[in-house]
N, C-alpha and C. Protein backbone atom coordinates (compact mmCIF):
# COMPACT_ATOMS: atom_id res chain seq x y z
N MET A 1 -9.82 -20.48 -16.38
CA MET A 1 -10.91 -20.17 -15.45
C MET A 1 -10.84 -18.69 -15.08
N PRO A 2 -11.94 -17.96 -15.16
CA PRO A 2 -11.91 -16.54 -14.79
C PRO A 2 -11.64 -16.36 -13.31
N TRP A 3 -10.94 -15.26 -12.99
CA TRP A 3 -10.63 -14.96 -11.60
C TRP A 3 -11.89 -14.61 -10.83
N ARG A 4 -11.98 -15.14 -9.61
CA ARG A 4 -13.09 -14.80 -8.73
C ARG A 4 -12.53 -14.44 -7.35
N PRO A 5 -13.12 -13.49 -6.67
CA PRO A 5 -12.62 -13.14 -5.33
C PRO A 5 -12.80 -14.30 -4.36
N HIS A 6 -11.84 -14.46 -3.48
CA HIS A 6 -11.87 -15.52 -2.47
C HIS A 6 -12.72 -15.06 -1.29
N ARG A 7 -13.73 -15.82 -0.94
CA ARG A 7 -14.64 -15.42 0.13
C ARG A 7 -14.63 -16.37 1.32
N GLU A 8 -13.98 -17.54 1.18
CA GLU A 8 -14.18 -18.57 2.19
C GLU A 8 -13.43 -18.29 3.49
N GLY A 9 -12.38 -17.50 3.44
CA GLY A 9 -11.60 -17.27 4.66
C GLY A 9 -10.59 -16.17 4.44
N ARG A 10 -9.84 -15.88 5.48
CA ARG A 10 -8.84 -14.83 5.41
C ARG A 10 -7.47 -15.44 5.33
N ALA A 11 -6.62 -14.81 4.52
CA ALA A 11 -5.26 -15.31 4.39
C ALA A 11 -4.50 -15.11 5.70
N THR A 12 -3.67 -16.09 6.04
CA THR A 12 -2.87 -15.98 7.25
C THR A 12 -1.61 -15.17 6.95
N TRP A 13 -1.02 -14.66 8.00
CA TRP A 13 0.22 -13.88 7.90
C TRP A 13 1.36 -14.74 8.45
N PRO A 14 2.55 -14.70 7.83
CA PRO A 14 3.02 -13.78 6.80
C PRO A 14 2.59 -14.17 5.39
N VAL A 15 2.52 -13.17 4.52
CA VAL A 15 2.18 -13.34 3.11
C VAL A 15 3.30 -12.73 2.27
N VAL A 16 3.77 -13.47 1.28
CA VAL A 16 4.78 -12.98 0.35
C VAL A 16 4.18 -13.02 -1.05
N LEU A 17 4.30 -11.92 -1.79
CA LEU A 17 3.76 -11.81 -3.14
C LEU A 17 4.89 -11.49 -4.11
N ARG A 18 4.79 -12.02 -5.34
CA ARG A 18 5.80 -11.74 -6.36
C ARG A 18 5.12 -11.41 -7.68
N GLU A 19 5.77 -10.54 -8.44
CA GLU A 19 5.31 -10.19 -9.80
C GLU A 19 6.54 -10.06 -10.69
N SER A 20 6.57 -10.85 -11.76
CA SER A 20 7.75 -10.89 -12.62
C SER A 20 7.41 -10.74 -14.10
N PHE A 21 6.22 -10.16 -14.40
CA PHE A 21 5.87 -9.96 -15.80
C PHE A 21 6.80 -8.96 -16.47
N HIS A 22 7.26 -7.98 -15.70
CA HIS A 22 8.15 -6.97 -16.23
C HIS A 22 9.45 -6.99 -15.44
N ASP A 23 10.46 -6.29 -15.95
CA ASP A 23 11.72 -6.13 -15.24
C ASP A 23 11.69 -4.81 -14.47
N PRO A 24 12.10 -4.77 -13.22
CA PRO A 24 12.65 -5.86 -12.41
C PRO A 24 11.56 -6.67 -11.72
N THR A 25 11.91 -7.88 -11.27
CA THR A 25 10.99 -8.68 -10.47
C THR A 25 10.75 -7.99 -9.12
N ILE A 26 9.50 -7.95 -8.70
CA ILE A 26 9.11 -7.29 -7.46
C ILE A 26 8.61 -8.34 -6.47
N MET A 27 9.04 -8.21 -5.23
CA MET A 27 8.52 -9.06 -4.16
C MET A 27 7.99 -8.16 -3.05
N LEU A 28 6.79 -8.44 -2.59
CA LEU A 28 6.24 -7.82 -1.39
C LEU A 28 6.36 -8.84 -0.27
N ARG A 29 7.03 -8.44 0.80
CA ARG A 29 7.26 -9.35 1.92
C ARG A 29 7.19 -8.57 3.24
N PRO A 30 6.95 -9.28 4.35
CA PRO A 30 6.99 -8.60 5.64
C PRO A 30 8.40 -8.10 5.97
N LEU A 31 8.47 -7.00 6.70
CA LEU A 31 9.75 -6.56 7.23
C LEU A 31 10.24 -7.56 8.27
N ARG A 32 11.58 -7.70 8.36
CA ARG A 32 12.21 -8.54 9.37
C ARG A 32 13.10 -7.67 10.26
N SER A 33 13.33 -8.11 11.46
CA SER A 33 14.22 -7.36 12.35
C SER A 33 15.60 -7.17 11.73
N SER A 34 16.03 -8.14 10.93
CA SER A 34 17.35 -8.06 10.29
C SER A 34 17.41 -7.00 9.19
N ASP A 35 16.26 -6.41 8.83
CA ASP A 35 16.23 -5.37 7.80
C ASP A 35 16.58 -3.98 8.36
N GLU A 36 16.81 -3.90 9.66
CA GLU A 36 16.92 -2.57 10.28
C GLU A 36 17.93 -1.66 9.62
N GLN A 37 19.14 -2.11 9.41
CA GLN A 37 20.18 -1.24 8.87
C GLN A 37 19.80 -0.72 7.49
N GLU A 38 19.33 -1.62 6.62
CA GLU A 38 18.97 -1.19 5.26
C GLU A 38 17.74 -0.28 5.28
N TRP A 39 16.72 -0.62 6.07
CA TRP A 39 15.51 0.19 6.13
C TRP A 39 15.82 1.59 6.64
N GLN A 40 16.63 1.69 7.69
CA GLN A 40 16.99 3.00 8.23
C GLN A 40 17.76 3.82 7.19
N ARG A 41 18.64 3.17 6.46
CA ARG A 41 19.42 3.87 5.45
C ARG A 41 18.51 4.42 4.35
N VAL A 42 17.58 3.60 3.87
CA VAL A 42 16.69 4.03 2.79
C VAL A 42 15.76 5.15 3.27
N ARG A 43 15.23 5.01 4.49
CA ARG A 43 14.35 6.05 5.02
C ARG A 43 15.08 7.38 5.21
N GLN A 44 16.27 7.32 5.73
CA GLN A 44 17.04 8.55 5.93
C GLN A 44 17.37 9.22 4.60
N ALA A 45 17.71 8.41 3.59
CA ALA A 45 18.04 8.96 2.28
C ALA A 45 16.83 9.59 1.61
N ASN A 46 15.62 9.17 2.01
CA ASN A 46 14.40 9.65 1.37
C ASN A 46 13.56 10.55 2.27
N ALA A 47 14.16 11.05 3.34
CA ALA A 47 13.40 11.86 4.29
C ALA A 47 12.74 13.05 3.61
N ALA A 48 13.48 13.79 2.81
CA ALA A 48 12.92 14.96 2.13
C ALA A 48 11.95 14.55 1.03
N HIS A 49 12.20 13.41 0.41
CA HIS A 49 11.36 12.94 -0.69
C HIS A 49 9.95 12.58 -0.22
N VAL A 50 9.84 11.96 0.96
CA VAL A 50 8.53 11.50 1.43
C VAL A 50 7.82 12.50 2.34
N GLN A 51 8.54 13.49 2.85
CA GLN A 51 7.95 14.42 3.82
C GLN A 51 6.66 15.09 3.34
N PRO A 52 6.57 15.55 2.08
CA PRO A 52 5.33 16.23 1.66
C PRO A 52 4.10 15.34 1.61
N TRP A 53 4.27 14.02 1.70
CA TRP A 53 3.15 13.12 1.47
C TRP A 53 2.82 12.24 2.67
N GLU A 54 3.61 12.30 3.73
CA GLU A 54 3.39 11.40 4.85
C GLU A 54 2.57 12.05 5.96
N PRO A 55 1.71 11.27 6.63
CA PRO A 55 0.88 11.80 7.71
C PRO A 55 1.71 12.36 8.86
N THR A 56 1.17 13.40 9.49
CA THR A 56 1.78 13.99 10.68
C THR A 56 0.71 14.12 11.76
N LEU A 57 1.14 14.26 12.99
CA LEU A 57 0.19 14.43 14.09
C LEU A 57 -0.30 15.87 14.15
N PRO A 58 -1.60 16.08 14.21
CA PRO A 58 -2.12 17.45 14.35
C PRO A 58 -1.85 18.00 15.74
N PRO A 59 -1.93 19.31 15.90
CA PRO A 59 -1.73 19.90 17.23
C PRO A 59 -2.71 19.32 18.24
N GLY A 60 -2.20 19.03 19.42
CA GLY A 60 -3.05 18.48 20.47
C GLY A 60 -3.12 16.98 20.50
N ALA A 61 -2.62 16.32 19.45
CA ALA A 61 -2.63 14.85 19.46
C ALA A 61 -1.62 14.35 20.47
N ASP A 62 -1.89 13.21 21.02
CA ASP A 62 -1.02 12.63 22.04
C ASP A 62 0.01 11.73 21.37
N PRO A 63 1.24 12.21 21.20
CA PRO A 63 2.22 11.39 20.48
C PRO A 63 2.70 10.22 21.35
N SER A 64 2.91 9.10 20.71
CA SER A 64 3.50 7.97 21.41
C SER A 64 5.01 8.14 21.42
N GLY A 65 5.66 7.51 22.35
CA GLY A 65 7.11 7.62 22.44
C GLY A 65 7.78 6.85 21.32
N PRO A 66 9.08 7.09 21.11
CA PRO A 66 9.81 6.37 20.07
C PRO A 66 9.87 4.88 20.38
N VAL A 67 9.85 4.08 19.32
CA VAL A 67 9.95 2.63 19.49
C VAL A 67 11.16 2.14 18.72
N SER A 68 11.69 1.03 19.14
CA SER A 68 12.81 0.43 18.42
C SER A 68 12.32 -0.16 17.11
N PHE A 69 13.25 -0.41 16.20
CA PHE A 69 12.88 -1.03 14.92
C PHE A 69 12.30 -2.42 15.17
N ARG A 70 12.88 -3.14 16.12
CA ARG A 70 12.36 -4.47 16.44
C ARG A 70 10.90 -4.40 16.89
N GLN A 71 10.58 -3.40 17.73
CA GLN A 71 9.20 -3.24 18.17
C GLN A 71 8.30 -2.81 17.01
N PHE A 72 8.83 -1.95 16.14
CA PHE A 72 8.10 -1.52 14.95
C PHE A 72 7.69 -2.73 14.11
N VAL A 73 8.62 -3.66 13.89
CA VAL A 73 8.33 -4.87 13.11
C VAL A 73 7.31 -5.73 13.84
N ARG A 74 7.47 -5.87 15.16
CA ARG A 74 6.50 -6.66 15.93
C ARG A 74 5.12 -6.05 15.85
N ASP A 75 5.04 -4.72 15.92
CA ASP A 75 3.73 -4.06 15.84
C ASP A 75 3.08 -4.29 14.48
N LEU A 76 3.86 -4.22 13.41
CA LEU A 76 3.31 -4.48 12.08
C LEU A 76 2.77 -5.91 11.98
N ASP A 77 3.55 -6.87 12.48
CA ASP A 77 3.11 -8.27 12.43
C ASP A 77 1.87 -8.48 13.29
N HIS A 78 1.81 -7.80 14.43
CA HIS A 78 0.62 -7.92 15.30
C HIS A 78 -0.62 -7.40 14.59
N GLU A 79 -0.51 -6.25 13.93
CA GLU A 79 -1.64 -5.69 13.20
C GLU A 79 -2.08 -6.63 12.08
N ALA A 80 -1.11 -7.26 11.40
CA ALA A 80 -1.44 -8.18 10.32
C ALA A 80 -2.14 -9.43 10.85
N ARG A 81 -1.63 -9.99 11.94
CA ARG A 81 -2.25 -11.21 12.49
C ARG A 81 -3.61 -10.92 13.10
N ALA A 82 -3.83 -9.66 13.50
CA ALA A 82 -5.13 -9.26 14.03
C ALA A 82 -6.10 -8.92 12.92
N ASP A 83 -5.67 -9.04 11.66
CA ASP A 83 -6.51 -8.78 10.49
C ASP A 83 -6.90 -7.31 10.38
N ARG A 84 -5.99 -6.43 10.81
CA ARG A 84 -6.25 -5.00 10.68
C ARG A 84 -5.38 -4.35 9.61
N ALA A 85 -4.37 -5.08 9.09
CA ALA A 85 -3.47 -4.49 8.12
C ALA A 85 -2.75 -5.60 7.35
N LEU A 86 -2.19 -5.22 6.20
CA LEU A 86 -1.31 -6.07 5.41
C LEU A 86 -0.07 -5.23 5.09
N PRO A 87 0.96 -5.29 5.95
CA PRO A 87 2.11 -4.39 5.79
C PRO A 87 3.31 -5.08 5.12
N TRP A 88 3.64 -4.63 3.93
CA TRP A 88 4.77 -5.21 3.19
C TRP A 88 5.87 -4.19 2.96
N CYS A 89 7.08 -4.66 2.85
CA CYS A 89 8.12 -3.85 2.22
C CYS A 89 8.21 -4.28 0.76
N ILE A 90 8.69 -3.37 -0.08
CA ILE A 90 8.88 -3.64 -1.51
C ILE A 90 10.34 -4.03 -1.70
N ASP A 91 10.56 -5.25 -2.16
CA ASP A 91 11.90 -5.81 -2.30
C ASP A 91 12.19 -6.00 -3.79
N VAL A 92 13.25 -5.39 -4.27
CA VAL A 92 13.68 -5.54 -5.66
C VAL A 92 15.14 -6.01 -5.64
N GLY A 93 15.38 -7.19 -6.17
CA GLY A 93 16.74 -7.71 -6.21
C GLY A 93 17.36 -7.89 -4.85
N GLY A 94 16.54 -8.19 -3.84
CA GLY A 94 17.06 -8.40 -2.50
C GLY A 94 17.29 -7.14 -1.71
N HIS A 95 16.81 -6.00 -2.22
CA HIS A 95 16.99 -4.73 -1.53
C HIS A 95 15.64 -4.06 -1.30
N ILE A 96 15.50 -3.42 -0.14
CA ILE A 96 14.28 -2.69 0.18
C ILE A 96 14.26 -1.37 -0.58
N VAL A 97 13.17 -1.13 -1.33
CA VAL A 97 13.04 0.12 -2.09
C VAL A 97 11.78 0.89 -1.71
N GLY A 98 11.06 0.42 -0.68
CA GLY A 98 9.85 1.12 -0.26
C GLY A 98 8.95 0.21 0.55
N GLN A 99 7.73 0.67 0.77
CA GLN A 99 6.74 -0.10 1.49
C GLN A 99 5.36 0.14 0.87
N VAL A 100 4.49 -0.85 1.01
CA VAL A 100 3.09 -0.70 0.64
C VAL A 100 2.26 -1.40 1.70
N HIS A 101 1.27 -0.69 2.23
CA HIS A 101 0.45 -1.22 3.33
C HIS A 101 -1.03 -1.14 2.97
N VAL A 102 -1.75 -2.23 3.19
CA VAL A 102 -3.21 -2.18 3.28
C VAL A 102 -3.52 -1.99 4.76
N PHE A 103 -4.27 -0.96 5.10
CA PHE A 103 -4.51 -0.65 6.50
C PHE A 103 -5.99 -0.27 6.71
N GLY A 104 -6.36 -0.08 7.97
CA GLY A 104 -7.74 0.28 8.27
C GLY A 104 -8.74 -0.76 7.82
N ILE A 105 -8.37 -2.03 7.90
CA ILE A 105 -9.26 -3.09 7.43
C ILE A 105 -10.48 -3.20 8.34
N VAL A 106 -11.65 -3.18 7.73
CA VAL A 106 -12.92 -3.33 8.43
C VAL A 106 -13.63 -4.55 7.84
N ARG A 107 -14.08 -5.43 8.68
CA ARG A 107 -14.79 -6.63 8.20
C ARG A 107 -16.30 -6.42 8.32
N ALA A 108 -17.02 -7.41 8.83
CA ALA A 108 -18.48 -7.37 8.97
C ALA A 108 -19.12 -7.01 7.63
N ALA A 109 -20.05 -6.05 7.62
CA ALA A 109 -20.79 -5.73 6.41
C ALA A 109 -19.99 -4.88 5.43
N GLN A 110 -18.85 -4.32 5.87
CA GLN A 110 -18.12 -3.39 5.01
C GLN A 110 -17.04 -4.06 4.18
N GLN A 111 -16.20 -4.91 4.80
CA GLN A 111 -15.16 -5.65 4.09
C GLN A 111 -14.29 -4.72 3.22
N SER A 112 -13.69 -3.73 3.86
CA SER A 112 -12.94 -2.73 3.09
C SER A 112 -11.64 -2.37 3.78
N GLY A 113 -10.80 -1.63 3.06
CA GLY A 113 -9.55 -1.13 3.60
C GLY A 113 -9.01 -0.05 2.68
N ALA A 114 -7.90 0.53 3.08
CA ALA A 114 -7.22 1.54 2.26
C ALA A 114 -5.78 1.09 2.06
N VAL A 115 -5.13 1.67 1.07
CA VAL A 115 -3.75 1.30 0.79
C VAL A 115 -2.91 2.55 0.59
N GLY A 116 -1.70 2.50 1.10
CA GLY A 116 -0.75 3.59 0.92
C GLY A 116 0.63 3.01 0.66
N TYR A 117 1.53 3.86 0.17
CA TYR A 117 2.86 3.36 -0.16
C TYR A 117 3.86 4.51 -0.17
N TRP A 118 5.13 4.18 -0.12
CA TRP A 118 6.21 5.11 -0.43
C TRP A 118 7.29 4.34 -1.18
N LEU A 119 8.06 5.07 -2.00
CA LEU A 119 9.07 4.44 -2.84
C LEU A 119 10.34 5.27 -2.84
N ASP A 120 11.46 4.59 -2.75
CA ASP A 120 12.77 5.23 -2.84
C ASP A 120 12.84 6.08 -4.10
N ALA A 121 13.24 7.34 -3.95
CA ALA A 121 13.28 8.26 -5.09
C ALA A 121 14.15 7.74 -6.22
N ARG A 122 15.16 6.95 -5.90
CA ARG A 122 16.06 6.43 -6.94
C ARG A 122 15.39 5.40 -7.83
N HIS A 123 14.23 4.89 -7.41
CA HIS A 123 13.56 3.84 -8.17
C HIS A 123 12.24 4.30 -8.79
N THR A 124 11.96 5.60 -8.73
CA THR A 124 10.74 6.09 -9.38
C THR A 124 10.91 6.05 -10.89
N GLY A 125 9.79 6.03 -11.60
CA GLY A 125 9.83 6.01 -13.05
C GLY A 125 10.08 4.66 -13.67
N ARG A 126 10.07 3.60 -12.87
CA ARG A 126 10.34 2.24 -13.37
C ARG A 126 9.10 1.35 -13.30
N GLY A 127 7.97 1.91 -12.90
CA GLY A 127 6.75 1.12 -12.79
C GLY A 127 6.65 0.30 -11.52
N ILE A 128 7.60 0.45 -10.60
CA ILE A 128 7.61 -0.36 -9.38
C ILE A 128 6.43 -0.03 -8.48
N ALA A 129 6.14 1.25 -8.30
CA ALA A 129 5.01 1.63 -7.45
C ALA A 129 3.70 1.10 -8.02
N THR A 130 3.50 1.24 -9.33
CA THR A 130 2.27 0.77 -9.97
C THR A 130 2.09 -0.72 -9.79
N ARG A 131 3.15 -1.47 -10.04
CA ARG A 131 3.06 -2.93 -9.95
C ARG A 131 2.90 -3.38 -8.50
N SER A 132 3.56 -2.70 -7.56
CA SER A 132 3.43 -3.06 -6.15
C SER A 132 2.01 -2.80 -5.66
N LEU A 133 1.44 -1.67 -6.06
CA LEU A 133 0.07 -1.35 -5.66
C LEU A 133 -0.90 -2.37 -6.26
N ALA A 134 -0.66 -2.77 -7.51
CA ALA A 134 -1.52 -3.77 -8.15
C ALA A 134 -1.46 -5.10 -7.39
N LEU A 135 -0.25 -5.53 -7.02
CA LEU A 135 -0.10 -6.78 -6.26
C LEU A 135 -0.86 -6.72 -4.94
N ALA A 136 -0.69 -5.60 -4.22
CA ALA A 136 -1.32 -5.46 -2.91
C ALA A 136 -2.84 -5.46 -3.03
N ILE A 137 -3.36 -4.72 -4.00
CA ILE A 137 -4.82 -4.63 -4.16
C ILE A 137 -5.40 -5.96 -4.61
N ASP A 138 -4.75 -6.63 -5.57
CA ASP A 138 -5.24 -7.93 -6.02
C ASP A 138 -5.32 -8.92 -4.86
N HIS A 139 -4.30 -8.91 -4.00
CA HIS A 139 -4.33 -9.82 -2.85
C HIS A 139 -5.44 -9.44 -1.88
N ALA A 140 -5.58 -8.15 -1.62
CA ALA A 140 -6.59 -7.70 -0.66
C ALA A 140 -8.00 -8.07 -1.12
N LEU A 141 -8.26 -7.92 -2.42
CA LEU A 141 -9.59 -8.19 -2.96
C LEU A 141 -9.76 -9.65 -3.38
N GLY A 142 -8.68 -10.41 -3.32
CA GLY A 142 -8.74 -11.82 -3.65
C GLY A 142 -8.60 -12.68 -2.40
N PRO A 143 -7.41 -13.24 -2.16
CA PRO A 143 -7.23 -14.14 -1.01
C PRO A 143 -7.59 -13.53 0.34
N ALA A 144 -7.38 -12.22 0.53
CA ALA A 144 -7.71 -11.61 1.82
C ALA A 144 -9.20 -11.37 2.00
N GLY A 145 -9.99 -11.52 0.93
CA GLY A 145 -11.44 -11.52 1.07
C GLY A 145 -12.11 -10.18 1.23
N LEU A 146 -11.40 -9.07 0.96
CA LEU A 146 -12.05 -7.76 1.06
C LEU A 146 -12.90 -7.47 -0.17
N HIS A 147 -13.83 -6.56 -0.01
CA HIS A 147 -14.72 -6.18 -1.11
C HIS A 147 -14.29 -4.87 -1.77
N ARG A 148 -13.71 -3.94 -1.00
CA ARG A 148 -13.39 -2.62 -1.54
C ARG A 148 -12.06 -2.12 -0.98
N ILE A 149 -11.26 -1.53 -1.86
CA ILE A 149 -10.00 -0.88 -1.46
C ILE A 149 -10.01 0.54 -2.01
N GLU A 150 -9.56 1.48 -1.18
CA GLU A 150 -9.45 2.85 -1.64
C GLU A 150 -8.01 3.35 -1.48
N VAL A 151 -7.66 4.33 -2.31
CA VAL A 151 -6.37 5.02 -2.24
C VAL A 151 -6.68 6.51 -2.17
N ASN A 152 -6.13 7.18 -1.16
CA ASN A 152 -6.38 8.61 -0.98
C ASN A 152 -5.10 9.38 -1.28
N ILE A 153 -5.19 10.36 -2.20
CA ILE A 153 -4.00 11.03 -2.73
C ILE A 153 -4.22 12.53 -2.74
N ARG A 154 -3.21 13.26 -2.29
CA ARG A 154 -3.27 14.72 -2.41
C ARG A 154 -3.32 15.12 -3.88
N GLY A 155 -4.07 16.18 -4.17
CA GLY A 155 -4.26 16.60 -5.56
C GLY A 155 -3.00 17.07 -6.24
N ASP A 156 -1.96 17.44 -5.44
CA ASP A 156 -0.71 17.89 -6.05
C ASP A 156 0.35 16.80 -6.09
N ASN A 157 -0.02 15.58 -5.71
CA ASN A 157 0.91 14.45 -5.79
C ASN A 157 0.78 13.81 -7.17
N LEU A 158 1.43 14.41 -8.14
CA LEU A 158 1.22 14.01 -9.53
C LEU A 158 1.69 12.59 -9.82
N ARG A 159 2.77 12.17 -9.18
CA ARG A 159 3.27 10.81 -9.42
C ARG A 159 2.25 9.77 -8.97
N SER A 160 1.67 9.97 -7.78
CA SER A 160 0.70 8.99 -7.29
C SER A 160 -0.60 9.04 -8.09
N LEU A 161 -0.98 10.22 -8.54
CA LEU A 161 -2.16 10.32 -9.40
C LEU A 161 -1.95 9.55 -10.70
N ALA A 162 -0.73 9.57 -11.21
CA ALA A 162 -0.43 8.82 -12.43
C ALA A 162 -0.49 7.32 -12.18
N VAL A 163 -0.11 6.89 -10.98
CA VAL A 163 -0.16 5.46 -10.63
C VAL A 163 -1.59 4.95 -10.66
N VAL A 164 -2.52 5.64 -9.98
CA VAL A 164 -3.90 5.15 -9.96
C VAL A 164 -4.56 5.28 -11.33
N GLU A 165 -4.12 6.25 -12.13
CA GLU A 165 -4.65 6.36 -13.49
C GLU A 165 -4.22 5.16 -14.32
N ARG A 166 -2.96 4.75 -14.19
CA ARG A 166 -2.49 3.57 -14.94
C ARG A 166 -3.24 2.32 -14.51
N LEU A 167 -3.61 2.25 -13.24
CA LEU A 167 -4.33 1.08 -12.74
C LEU A 167 -5.83 1.13 -13.05
N GLY A 168 -6.31 2.28 -13.50
CA GLY A 168 -7.73 2.40 -13.84
C GLY A 168 -8.65 2.43 -12.65
N LEU A 169 -8.17 2.93 -11.50
CA LEU A 169 -9.03 3.02 -10.33
C LEU A 169 -10.06 4.13 -10.51
N ARG A 170 -11.23 3.93 -9.94
CA ARG A 170 -12.35 4.84 -10.08
C ARG A 170 -12.17 6.08 -9.20
N ASP A 171 -12.31 7.26 -9.78
CA ASP A 171 -12.18 8.51 -9.04
C ASP A 171 -13.50 8.81 -8.34
N GLU A 172 -13.49 8.86 -7.00
CA GLU A 172 -14.71 9.09 -6.24
C GLU A 172 -14.83 10.52 -5.72
N GLY A 173 -13.90 11.38 -6.11
CA GLY A 173 -14.02 12.78 -5.74
C GLY A 173 -13.09 13.20 -4.61
N VAL A 174 -13.28 14.44 -4.16
CA VAL A 174 -12.39 15.07 -3.19
C VAL A 174 -12.97 14.98 -1.78
N ARG A 175 -12.11 14.64 -0.82
CA ARG A 175 -12.44 14.71 0.60
C ARG A 175 -11.68 15.92 1.17
N GLU A 176 -12.40 16.90 1.60
CA GLU A 176 -11.77 18.12 2.08
C GLU A 176 -11.17 17.94 3.46
N ARG A 177 -9.94 18.47 3.61
CA ARG A 177 -9.22 18.41 4.88
C ARG A 177 -9.27 16.99 5.46
N PHE A 178 -8.92 16.03 4.64
CA PHE A 178 -9.10 14.62 4.96
C PHE A 178 -8.03 14.07 5.90
N LEU A 179 -6.77 14.51 5.71
CA LEU A 179 -5.68 13.90 6.45
C LEU A 179 -4.64 14.96 6.78
N HIS A 180 -4.05 14.84 7.97
CA HIS A 180 -3.02 15.79 8.40
C HIS A 180 -1.68 15.35 7.80
N ILE A 181 -1.19 16.16 6.87
CA ILE A 181 0.03 15.84 6.12
C ILE A 181 0.99 17.02 6.21
N ASP A 182 2.23 16.73 6.55
CA ASP A 182 3.28 17.75 6.52
C ASP A 182 2.83 19.03 7.24
N GLY A 183 2.14 18.86 8.39
CA GLY A 183 1.82 19.99 9.24
C GLY A 183 0.49 20.68 9.00
N GLN A 184 -0.30 20.21 8.02
CA GLN A 184 -1.59 20.84 7.75
C GLN A 184 -2.63 19.79 7.37
N TRP A 185 -3.91 20.16 7.56
CA TRP A 185 -4.99 19.30 7.06
C TRP A 185 -5.10 19.48 5.55
N ARG A 186 -5.00 18.38 4.83
CA ARG A 186 -4.93 18.43 3.37
C ARG A 186 -6.13 17.75 2.72
N ASP A 187 -6.61 18.35 1.63
CA ASP A 187 -7.62 17.69 0.80
C ASP A 187 -6.99 16.50 0.09
N HIS A 188 -7.80 15.47 -0.12
CA HIS A 188 -7.35 14.28 -0.85
C HIS A 188 -8.42 13.86 -1.85
N ARG A 189 -7.99 13.30 -2.95
CA ARG A 189 -8.91 12.63 -3.88
C ARG A 189 -8.92 11.15 -3.56
N THR A 190 -10.11 10.57 -3.58
CA THR A 190 -10.28 9.16 -3.27
C THR A 190 -10.49 8.36 -4.55
N PHE A 191 -9.71 7.32 -4.70
CA PHE A 191 -9.84 6.38 -5.81
C PHE A 191 -10.14 5.00 -5.22
N ALA A 192 -10.99 4.24 -5.87
CA ALA A 192 -11.41 2.96 -5.29
C ALA A 192 -11.60 1.90 -6.36
N VAL A 193 -11.60 0.66 -5.90
CA VAL A 193 -11.89 -0.49 -6.76
C VAL A 193 -12.50 -1.57 -5.88
N THR A 194 -13.39 -2.37 -6.45
CA THR A 194 -14.04 -3.44 -5.70
C THR A 194 -13.71 -4.80 -6.31
N SER A 195 -13.94 -5.83 -5.54
CA SER A 195 -13.71 -7.19 -6.02
C SER A 195 -14.62 -7.50 -7.21
N ASP A 196 -15.82 -6.92 -7.24
CA ASP A 196 -16.72 -7.14 -8.37
C ASP A 196 -16.11 -6.60 -9.67
N GLU A 197 -15.47 -5.44 -9.56
CA GLU A 197 -14.84 -4.86 -10.75
C GLU A 197 -13.69 -5.72 -11.25
N LEU A 198 -12.91 -6.29 -10.33
CA LEU A 198 -11.82 -7.16 -10.75
C LEU A 198 -12.36 -8.45 -11.37
N ALA A 199 -13.46 -8.97 -10.83
CA ALA A 199 -14.05 -10.17 -11.39
C ALA A 199 -14.53 -9.93 -12.82
N GLU A 200 -15.02 -8.72 -13.08
CA GLU A 200 -15.52 -8.39 -14.42
C GLU A 200 -14.41 -8.05 -15.40
N ARG A 201 -13.37 -7.35 -14.93
CA ARG A 201 -12.36 -6.81 -15.84
C ARG A 201 -11.00 -7.47 -15.74
N GLY A 202 -10.82 -8.37 -14.77
CA GLY A 202 -9.52 -9.00 -14.58
C GLY A 202 -8.72 -8.29 -13.50
N THR A 203 -7.76 -8.99 -12.93
CA THR A 203 -6.95 -8.42 -11.87
C THR A 203 -6.10 -7.28 -12.41
N LEU A 204 -5.68 -6.40 -11.50
CA LEU A 204 -4.82 -5.29 -11.91
C LEU A 204 -3.48 -5.80 -12.42
N THR A 205 -2.95 -6.83 -11.76
CA THR A 205 -1.67 -7.39 -12.19
C THR A 205 -1.77 -7.99 -13.59
N ALA A 206 -2.85 -8.69 -13.86
CA ALA A 206 -3.02 -9.29 -15.19
C ALA A 206 -3.15 -8.23 -16.26
N ARG A 207 -3.85 -7.15 -15.95
CA ARG A 207 -3.99 -6.06 -16.92
C ARG A 207 -2.65 -5.41 -17.21
N LEU A 208 -1.82 -5.22 -16.16
CA LEU A 208 -0.50 -4.65 -16.39
C LEU A 208 0.38 -5.57 -17.22
N SER A 209 0.21 -6.88 -17.05
CA SER A 209 1.05 -7.82 -17.79
C SER A 209 0.82 -7.75 -19.29
N HIS A 210 -0.33 -7.24 -19.70
CA HIS A 210 -0.65 -7.12 -21.13
C HIS A 210 -0.41 -5.72 -21.66
N SER A 211 0.08 -4.83 -20.81
CA SER A 211 0.29 -3.46 -21.26
C SER A 211 1.72 -3.23 -21.74
């Protein structure tokens, strides 16, 4: 039976996704409070690696105070249960190697969201980011009932540009000074895919399984 997007309802949280067509097996799962030690270790080890690509607060923004890891996890779960986000960590062999989030979910007539991710530098070049993004997008445009997902990438982020190229996402052009990254407003290229495109061409995960 050909794949069709799910329209009848929204998936409940928590959601766990797995992909094992290639090695290693990837699992997307919610963060748990018990992940604190490992998550902090991975984030600290990758601080310099992710700094050029992660959002920062522009001058004049009102920063919120620091929160505990337990509160961070609760906030992620709250956003997911409120149907505003789908926040997963990337688990390979029982270890956290990154995160992928569908965020900014809008329902009503738009039915859209955006997706972002980061990956431990030690695990780049293994297809993990590509497969994780495929899993997240397939779920968002399938069981989660969204119509459109976009990925916004800085033009000099060559690794992420290669990821969306492998997935065959549609290039919608440049958004100037789109997001405050690493201390400055940065241009981003927007790539998108819709549930109609997946219905016509097959899921991203299925396409990767044949590559």
